[in-house]
N, C-alpha and C. Protein backbone atom coordinates (compact mmCIF):
# COMPACT_ATOMS: atom_id res chain seq x y z
N MET A 1 27.57 -3.65 -11.23
CA MET A 1 26.50 -3.63 -10.23
C MET A 1 26.43 -5.02 -9.60
N ASN A 2 26.45 -5.07 -8.28
CA ASN A 2 26.36 -6.31 -7.53
C ASN A 2 24.90 -6.63 -7.28
N ILE A 3 24.48 -7.86 -7.53
CA ILE A 3 23.09 -8.23 -7.26
C ILE A 3 22.99 -9.13 -6.03
N GLY A 4 24.11 -9.34 -5.33
CA GLY A 4 24.09 -10.10 -4.09
C GLY A 4 23.55 -9.25 -2.95
N THR A 5 23.62 -9.80 -1.76
CA THR A 5 23.13 -9.10 -0.58
C THR A 5 24.12 -8.03 -0.14
N PRO A 6 23.68 -6.79 0.05
CA PRO A 6 24.57 -5.74 0.53
C PRO A 6 25.06 -6.05 1.95
N PRO A 7 26.14 -5.43 2.38
CA PRO A 7 26.70 -5.70 3.71
C PRO A 7 25.68 -5.46 4.82
N LEU A 8 25.78 -6.28 5.85
CA LEU A 8 24.88 -6.17 7.01
C LEU A 8 25.59 -5.37 8.10
N ASN A 9 25.70 -4.04 7.87
CA ASN A 9 26.37 -3.17 8.84
C ASN A 9 25.80 -1.76 8.72
N ASP A 10 26.43 -0.80 9.40
CA ASP A 10 25.93 0.57 9.40
C ASP A 10 26.56 1.45 8.33
N GLY A 11 27.30 0.83 7.40
CA GLY A 11 27.93 1.60 6.33
C GLY A 11 26.94 2.00 5.26
N TRP A 12 27.44 2.71 4.28
CA TRP A 12 26.61 3.22 3.21
C TRP A 12 26.96 2.54 1.89
N ILE A 13 25.96 2.37 1.03
CA ILE A 13 26.16 1.79 -0.30
C ILE A 13 25.54 2.72 -1.33
N LEU A 14 25.89 2.50 -2.58
CA LEU A 14 25.20 3.15 -3.68
C LEU A 14 24.18 2.13 -4.16
N ALA A 15 22.91 2.39 -3.87
CA ALA A 15 21.83 1.44 -4.13
C ALA A 15 21.12 1.76 -5.44
N TYR A 16 20.81 0.70 -6.19
CA TYR A 16 20.05 0.84 -7.43
C TYR A 16 18.61 0.41 -7.15
N ASP A 17 17.68 1.35 -7.24
CA ASP A 17 16.26 1.08 -7.04
C ASP A 17 15.52 1.76 -8.18
N PRO A 18 15.16 0.99 -9.24
CA PRO A 18 14.53 1.61 -10.41
C PRO A 18 13.21 2.31 -10.10
N ASP A 19 12.56 1.96 -8.98
CA ASP A 19 11.32 2.64 -8.60
C ASP A 19 11.55 4.08 -8.17
N LEU A 20 12.79 4.44 -7.89
CA LEU A 20 13.08 5.82 -7.47
C LEU A 20 13.12 6.78 -8.65
N HIS A 21 13.23 6.27 -9.84
CA HIS A 21 13.31 7.13 -11.03
C HIS A 21 11.89 7.58 -11.39
N ASP A 22 11.50 8.70 -10.81
CA ASP A 22 10.16 9.24 -11.05
C ASP A 22 10.26 10.76 -11.17
N SER A 23 9.18 11.43 -10.98
CA SER A 23 9.18 12.88 -11.16
C SER A 23 9.99 13.61 -10.09
N PHE A 24 10.27 12.95 -8.95
CA PHE A 24 11.00 13.61 -7.87
C PHE A 24 12.51 13.35 -7.94
N ARG A 25 12.90 12.27 -8.56
CA ARG A 25 14.33 11.93 -8.63
C ARG A 25 14.70 11.73 -10.09
N THR A 26 15.89 12.08 -10.41
CA THR A 26 16.33 11.95 -11.79
C THR A 26 17.14 10.69 -12.03
N SER A 27 17.45 9.96 -10.97
CA SER A 27 18.27 8.78 -11.11
C SER A 27 17.75 7.65 -10.22
N PRO A 28 17.88 6.41 -10.65
CA PRO A 28 17.48 5.29 -9.81
C PRO A 28 18.58 4.90 -8.80
N TRP A 29 19.68 5.64 -8.79
CA TRP A 29 20.77 5.37 -7.85
C TRP A 29 20.68 6.33 -6.68
N VAL A 30 20.88 5.82 -5.45
CA VAL A 30 20.80 6.64 -4.26
C VAL A 30 21.76 6.08 -3.20
N ILE A 31 22.33 6.96 -2.41
CA ILE A 31 23.16 6.53 -1.29
C ILE A 31 22.21 6.04 -0.19
N ALA A 32 22.48 4.83 0.33
CA ALA A 32 21.56 4.23 1.30
C ALA A 32 22.34 3.47 2.37
N THR A 33 21.66 3.23 3.49
CA THR A 33 22.22 2.45 4.60
C THR A 33 21.13 1.58 5.19
N ARG A 34 21.53 0.60 5.97
CA ARG A 34 20.57 -0.32 6.59
C ARG A 34 19.94 0.27 7.85
N GLY A 35 18.75 -0.23 8.13
CA GLY A 35 18.05 0.03 9.38
C GLY A 35 17.27 -1.23 9.72
N ASP A 36 16.51 -1.21 10.79
CA ASP A 36 15.77 -2.40 11.21
C ASP A 36 14.76 -2.87 10.17
N GLU A 37 14.22 -1.96 9.40
CA GLU A 37 13.19 -2.31 8.44
C GLU A 37 13.69 -2.36 7.00
N GLY A 38 14.99 -2.46 6.80
CA GLY A 38 15.53 -2.52 5.44
C GLY A 38 16.50 -1.38 5.19
N PHE A 39 16.49 -0.85 3.96
CA PHE A 39 17.40 0.23 3.58
C PHE A 39 16.68 1.57 3.52
N PHE A 40 17.45 2.64 3.79
CA PHE A 40 16.91 3.99 3.79
C PHE A 40 17.92 4.94 3.18
N ASP A 41 17.40 6.00 2.52
CA ASP A 41 18.32 7.01 2.00
C ASP A 41 18.71 7.96 3.14
N SER A 42 19.51 8.95 2.84
CA SER A 42 20.01 9.85 3.89
C SER A 42 18.91 10.71 4.50
N ASP A 43 17.75 10.79 3.86
CA ASP A 43 16.61 11.53 4.43
C ASP A 43 15.65 10.62 5.19
N GLY A 44 15.96 9.32 5.27
CA GLY A 44 15.11 8.39 6.00
C GLY A 44 14.02 7.72 5.19
N TYR A 45 14.00 7.96 3.87
CA TYR A 45 12.98 7.33 3.03
C TYR A 45 13.41 5.92 2.66
N PRO A 46 12.46 4.98 2.61
CA PRO A 46 12.82 3.60 2.29
C PRO A 46 13.35 3.44 0.87
N VAL A 47 14.30 2.53 0.72
CA VAL A 47 14.90 2.18 -0.55
C VAL A 47 14.90 0.66 -0.64
N GLU A 48 14.58 0.12 -1.81
CA GLU A 48 14.62 -1.33 -2.01
C GLU A 48 15.66 -1.65 -3.08
N PRO A 49 16.92 -1.84 -2.67
CA PRO A 49 17.98 -2.07 -3.65
C PRO A 49 17.77 -3.34 -4.44
N ARG A 50 17.83 -3.20 -5.76
CA ARG A 50 17.80 -4.37 -6.65
C ARG A 50 19.20 -4.63 -7.18
N GLY A 51 20.11 -3.75 -6.81
CA GLY A 51 21.51 -3.87 -7.12
C GLY A 51 22.24 -2.85 -6.27
N TRP A 52 23.54 -3.00 -6.14
CA TRP A 52 24.27 -2.06 -5.31
C TRP A 52 25.74 -2.07 -5.70
N ALA A 53 26.41 -1.02 -5.27
CA ALA A 53 27.85 -0.90 -5.46
C ALA A 53 28.43 -0.33 -4.18
N PRO A 54 29.66 -0.71 -3.83
CA PRO A 54 30.26 -0.11 -2.64
C PRO A 54 30.42 1.40 -2.84
N LEU A 55 30.16 2.14 -1.82
CA LEU A 55 30.33 3.58 -1.88
C LEU A 55 31.80 3.88 -1.59
N PRO A 56 32.49 4.59 -2.49
CA PRO A 56 33.92 4.86 -2.25
C PRO A 56 34.12 5.79 -1.06
N ASP A 57 35.31 5.73 -0.50
CA ASP A 57 35.68 6.63 0.60
C ASP A 57 35.91 8.02 0.04
N PRO A 58 35.67 9.06 0.76
CA PRO A 58 35.17 9.05 2.13
C PRO A 58 33.66 8.86 2.16
N GLN A 59 33.21 7.97 3.01
CA GLN A 59 31.79 7.70 3.17
C GLN A 59 31.21 8.60 4.26
N PRO A 60 29.89 8.78 4.26
CA PRO A 60 29.26 9.46 5.40
C PRO A 60 29.55 8.65 6.67
N ALA A 61 29.46 9.26 7.82
CA ALA A 61 29.68 8.56 9.08
C ALA A 61 28.68 7.43 9.22
N GLY A 62 29.11 6.34 9.84
CA GLY A 62 28.20 5.21 10.07
C GLY A 62 27.05 5.63 10.97
N THR A 63 25.96 4.93 10.84
CA THR A 63 24.76 5.28 11.60
C THR A 63 24.74 4.69 13.00
N GLY A 64 25.61 3.71 13.25
CA GLY A 64 25.60 3.04 14.54
C GLY A 64 24.68 1.85 14.58
N TRP A 65 23.96 1.59 13.49
CA TRP A 65 23.03 0.46 13.45
C TRP A 65 23.82 -0.84 13.47
N THR A 66 23.32 -1.81 14.19
CA THR A 66 23.88 -3.15 14.18
C THR A 66 22.76 -4.15 13.96
N PRO A 67 23.06 -5.27 13.31
CA PRO A 67 22.01 -6.26 13.13
C PRO A 67 21.63 -6.88 14.47
N PRO A 68 20.36 -7.19 14.64
CA PRO A 68 19.95 -7.81 15.89
C PRO A 68 20.53 -9.22 16.02
N LYS A 69 20.81 -9.61 17.26
CA LYS A 69 21.32 -10.95 17.55
C LYS A 69 20.46 -11.55 18.65
N GLY A 70 20.18 -12.83 18.54
CA GLY A 70 19.37 -13.53 19.52
C GLY A 70 18.24 -14.26 18.84
N THR A 71 17.02 -14.02 19.29
CA THR A 71 15.84 -14.65 18.69
C THR A 71 14.77 -13.60 18.45
N VAL A 72 13.91 -13.87 17.48
CA VAL A 72 12.73 -13.04 17.27
C VAL A 72 11.64 -13.65 18.15
N ALA A 73 11.18 -12.89 19.13
CA ALA A 73 10.22 -13.39 20.10
C ALA A 73 8.82 -12.86 19.80
N ILE A 74 7.84 -13.72 19.94
CA ILE A 74 6.43 -13.34 19.79
C ILE A 74 5.79 -13.57 21.16
N SER A 75 5.06 -12.57 21.64
CA SER A 75 4.45 -12.68 22.95
C SER A 75 3.10 -11.99 22.98
N ARG A 76 2.21 -12.51 23.78
CA ARG A 76 0.94 -11.85 24.05
C ARG A 76 1.22 -10.62 24.89
N ALA A 77 0.49 -9.54 24.70
CA ALA A 77 0.76 -8.31 25.44
C ALA A 77 -0.52 -7.53 25.68
N ARG A 78 -0.44 -6.63 26.65
CA ARG A 78 -1.54 -5.69 26.85
C ARG A 78 -0.95 -4.35 27.25
N ILE A 79 -1.66 -3.31 26.93
CA ILE A 79 -1.26 -1.97 27.34
C ILE A 79 -2.15 -1.60 28.52
N PHE A 80 -1.50 -1.37 29.63
CA PHE A 80 -2.20 -1.20 30.90
C PHE A 80 -3.21 -0.06 30.89
N GLU A 81 -2.82 1.09 30.35
CA GLU A 81 -3.67 2.28 30.45
C GLU A 81 -5.02 2.14 29.76
N ASN A 82 -5.05 1.46 28.61
CA ASN A 82 -6.31 1.43 27.86
C ASN A 82 -6.90 0.04 27.69
N GLY A 83 -6.27 -0.97 28.28
CA GLY A 83 -6.82 -2.31 28.22
C GLY A 83 -6.66 -3.02 26.89
N TRP A 84 -5.82 -2.48 26.00
CA TRP A 84 -5.60 -3.11 24.69
C TRP A 84 -4.87 -4.43 24.87
N TYR A 85 -5.34 -5.45 24.18
CA TYR A 85 -4.66 -6.74 24.15
C TYR A 85 -4.22 -7.01 22.73
N GLY A 86 -3.04 -7.54 22.57
CA GLY A 86 -2.54 -7.85 21.24
C GLY A 86 -1.30 -8.71 21.33
N TRP A 87 -0.45 -8.54 20.35
CA TRP A 87 0.77 -9.34 20.25
C TRP A 87 1.96 -8.42 20.03
N THR A 88 3.11 -8.78 20.58
CA THR A 88 4.34 -8.04 20.33
C THR A 88 5.33 -8.95 19.63
N VAL A 89 6.15 -8.33 18.82
CA VAL A 89 7.28 -9.00 18.19
C VAL A 89 8.50 -8.17 18.57
N PHE A 90 9.50 -8.81 19.15
CA PHE A 90 10.69 -8.10 19.59
C PHE A 90 11.89 -9.03 19.52
N ILE A 91 13.06 -8.46 19.69
CA ILE A 91 14.30 -9.24 19.66
C ILE A 91 14.70 -9.54 21.10
N LYS A 92 14.87 -10.82 21.40
CA LYS A 92 15.38 -11.26 22.69
C LYS A 92 16.85 -11.59 22.49
N ARG A 93 17.72 -10.89 23.22
CA ARG A 93 19.16 -11.08 23.08
C ARG A 93 19.58 -12.48 23.53
N GLU A 94 20.78 -12.87 23.13
CA GLU A 94 21.31 -14.18 23.49
C GLU A 94 21.43 -14.36 25.00
N ASP A 95 21.65 -13.27 25.75
CA ASP A 95 21.78 -13.37 27.21
C ASP A 95 20.42 -13.35 27.91
N GLY A 96 19.32 -13.30 27.14
CA GLY A 96 17.97 -13.32 27.71
C GLY A 96 17.36 -11.95 27.91
N SER A 97 18.15 -10.88 27.77
CA SER A 97 17.60 -9.54 27.92
C SER A 97 16.92 -9.09 26.62
N ASP A 98 16.05 -8.11 26.75
CA ASP A 98 15.37 -7.57 25.57
C ASP A 98 16.28 -6.59 24.85
N ASP A 99 16.30 -6.66 23.53
CA ASP A 99 17.02 -5.70 22.71
C ASP A 99 16.36 -4.33 22.90
N PRO A 100 17.12 -3.23 22.86
CA PRO A 100 16.51 -1.91 23.10
C PRO A 100 15.61 -1.40 21.98
N ARG A 101 15.57 -2.09 20.83
CA ARG A 101 14.67 -1.65 19.77
C ARG A 101 13.23 -1.73 20.27
N GLU A 102 12.40 -0.79 19.82
CA GLU A 102 11.00 -0.82 20.21
C GLU A 102 10.32 -2.06 19.64
N PRO A 103 9.38 -2.65 20.39
CA PRO A 103 8.67 -3.82 19.86
C PRO A 103 7.65 -3.40 18.80
N TRP A 104 7.29 -4.33 17.95
CA TRP A 104 6.20 -4.11 17.00
C TRP A 104 4.93 -4.60 17.68
N LEU A 105 3.84 -3.87 17.53
CA LEU A 105 2.56 -4.23 18.14
C LEU A 105 1.56 -4.62 17.07
N PHE A 106 0.82 -5.69 17.33
CA PHE A 106 -0.17 -6.18 16.37
C PHE A 106 -1.44 -6.58 17.09
N ASP A 107 -2.57 -6.35 16.44
CA ASP A 107 -3.85 -6.78 16.98
C ASP A 107 -4.05 -8.27 16.81
N LEU A 108 -3.60 -8.80 15.68
CA LEU A 108 -3.86 -10.20 15.35
C LEU A 108 -2.60 -11.05 15.45
N GLU A 109 -2.77 -12.26 15.93
CA GLU A 109 -1.65 -13.19 16.05
C GLU A 109 -1.02 -13.48 14.69
N ALA A 110 -1.83 -13.59 13.65
CA ALA A 110 -1.30 -13.87 12.31
C ALA A 110 -0.39 -12.75 11.82
N GLU A 111 -0.74 -11.49 12.14
CA GLU A 111 0.12 -10.37 11.77
C GLU A 111 1.47 -10.45 12.48
N ALA A 112 1.44 -10.78 13.77
CA ALA A 112 2.68 -10.93 14.54
C ALA A 112 3.52 -12.07 13.99
N ASP A 113 2.89 -13.18 13.65
CA ASP A 113 3.62 -14.32 13.08
C ASP A 113 4.30 -13.94 11.76
N ALA A 114 3.59 -13.19 10.92
CA ALA A 114 4.15 -12.78 9.63
C ALA A 114 5.34 -11.84 9.82
N LYS A 115 5.24 -10.88 10.75
CA LYS A 115 6.35 -9.96 11.00
C LYS A 115 7.55 -10.72 11.56
N ALA A 116 7.31 -11.64 12.47
CA ALA A 116 8.40 -12.44 13.04
C ALA A 116 9.10 -13.25 11.95
N ALA A 117 8.32 -13.83 11.04
CA ALA A 117 8.92 -14.60 9.94
C ALA A 117 9.76 -13.71 9.04
N GLN A 118 9.28 -12.49 8.77
CA GLN A 118 10.05 -11.55 7.94
C GLN A 118 11.37 -11.21 8.62
N MET A 119 11.34 -10.89 9.91
CA MET A 119 12.56 -10.55 10.64
C MET A 119 13.51 -11.74 10.73
N ALA A 120 12.96 -12.92 10.93
CA ALA A 120 13.80 -14.13 11.02
C ALA A 120 14.53 -14.37 9.71
N ARG A 121 13.84 -14.16 8.58
CA ARG A 121 14.49 -14.33 7.27
C ARG A 121 15.55 -13.25 7.04
N LEU A 122 15.21 -12.02 7.37
CA LEU A 122 16.11 -10.90 7.12
C LEU A 122 17.42 -11.03 7.89
N TYR A 123 17.34 -11.48 9.14
CA TYR A 123 18.53 -11.51 9.99
C TYR A 123 18.98 -12.93 10.35
N ASP A 124 18.38 -13.94 9.73
CA ASP A 124 18.76 -15.34 9.96
C ASP A 124 18.71 -15.66 11.45
N LEU A 125 17.58 -15.36 12.07
CA LEU A 125 17.38 -15.61 13.49
C LEU A 125 16.24 -16.61 13.69
N PRO A 126 16.31 -17.41 14.76
CA PRO A 126 15.18 -18.29 15.06
C PRO A 126 14.03 -17.50 15.68
N ILE A 127 12.85 -18.10 15.68
CA ILE A 127 11.66 -17.49 16.27
C ILE A 127 11.28 -18.27 17.52
N THR A 128 10.94 -17.55 18.59
CA THR A 128 10.38 -18.19 19.78
C THR A 128 9.01 -17.60 20.03
N LYS A 129 8.11 -18.45 20.51
CA LYS A 129 6.76 -18.00 20.82
C LYS A 129 6.34 -18.70 22.10
N ASP A 130 5.82 -17.93 23.03
CA ASP A 130 5.40 -18.49 24.30
C ASP A 130 4.10 -19.26 24.09
N PRO A 131 4.15 -20.60 24.15
CA PRO A 131 2.94 -21.38 23.88
C PRO A 131 1.92 -21.31 25.01
N THR A 132 2.31 -20.80 26.17
CA THR A 132 1.38 -20.74 27.30
C THR A 132 0.66 -19.40 27.41
N ALA A 133 0.98 -18.47 26.54
CA ALA A 133 0.35 -17.14 26.64
C ALA A 133 -1.14 -17.24 26.39
N VAL A 134 -1.91 -16.62 27.28
CA VAL A 134 -3.37 -16.58 27.13
C VAL A 134 -3.80 -15.12 27.04
N PRO A 135 -4.96 -14.84 26.48
CA PRO A 135 -5.35 -13.46 26.21
C PRO A 135 -5.44 -12.52 27.40
N ASP A 136 -5.66 -12.99 28.61
CA ASP A 136 -5.92 -12.04 29.69
C ASP A 136 -4.78 -11.89 30.68
N GLU A 137 -4.62 -12.81 31.58
CA GLU A 137 -3.71 -12.59 32.70
C GLU A 137 -2.23 -12.72 32.34
N ASP A 138 -1.86 -13.71 31.56
CA ASP A 138 -0.44 -14.00 31.31
C ASP A 138 0.10 -13.22 30.12
N CYS A 139 0.10 -11.91 30.22
CA CYS A 139 0.57 -11.06 29.14
C CYS A 139 1.72 -10.19 29.61
N ASN A 140 2.56 -9.79 28.67
CA ASN A 140 3.53 -8.75 28.97
C ASN A 140 2.76 -7.44 29.05
N VAL A 141 3.05 -6.63 30.04
CA VAL A 141 2.39 -5.33 30.17
C VAL A 141 3.29 -4.29 29.54
N ILE A 142 2.77 -3.56 28.57
CA ILE A 142 3.52 -2.52 27.88
C ILE A 142 3.13 -1.19 28.49
N PRO A 143 4.09 -0.45 29.05
CA PRO A 143 3.75 0.77 29.80
C PRO A 143 3.59 2.03 28.96
N PHE A 144 3.13 1.90 27.73
CA PHE A 144 2.91 3.10 26.94
C PHE A 144 1.69 2.89 26.06
N ASP A 145 1.12 3.99 25.64
CA ASP A 145 -0.10 3.96 24.85
C ASP A 145 0.27 4.00 23.37
N PRO A 146 -0.19 3.03 22.54
CA PRO A 146 0.20 3.04 21.13
C PRO A 146 -0.31 4.27 20.38
N GLN A 147 -1.36 4.90 20.85
CA GLN A 147 -1.85 6.10 20.18
C GLN A 147 -0.97 7.30 20.48
N GLY A 148 -0.13 7.19 21.50
CA GLY A 148 0.74 8.29 21.89
C GLY A 148 2.14 8.17 21.31
N GLY A 149 2.32 7.36 20.29
CA GLY A 149 3.60 7.27 19.63
C GLY A 149 4.43 6.06 20.00
N GLY A 150 3.92 5.19 20.88
CA GLY A 150 4.69 4.03 21.29
C GLY A 150 4.64 2.89 20.29
N ALA A 151 3.61 2.83 19.49
CA ALA A 151 3.48 1.72 18.55
C ALA A 151 4.37 1.95 17.34
N ARG A 152 4.98 0.93 16.92
CA ARG A 152 5.86 0.98 15.76
C ARG A 152 5.04 0.69 14.52
N GLU A 153 5.37 1.32 13.42
CA GLU A 153 4.63 1.05 12.18
C GLU A 153 4.82 -0.37 11.76
N ARG A 154 3.79 -0.94 11.16
CA ARG A 154 3.87 -2.33 10.73
C ARG A 154 4.32 -2.41 9.32
């Protein structure tokens, strides 16, 4: 069992998560792959590998996931339709464009800072924060309502 960091790609591993050994599963071993929020089993449930082994071939098809590249950006934001003001955390690509992953939305600046720090550690990315952002006028406008499915889970 390897206790180092599993590969940072869309492949699959045999993950050891002792918390999975409960009334629903008979083994703490599960086939898992990476996603933006960590590892997941083939049904999409989160897995926290405490050890892992390479999954022998033939493996399931890759998921297409790639690690984000660029910077973790923190910005003041508002949702136009309902007047919500908050903070977004998103990946800004090296070329300056926004990564297509959905942004994370937070009510409090401290929550956004904590999420950005987690993402920066996970993917070894720097953090940028717009120091001129003010609560009202100078915000990114998000064109969707978080109650309608646009907000990402924190």
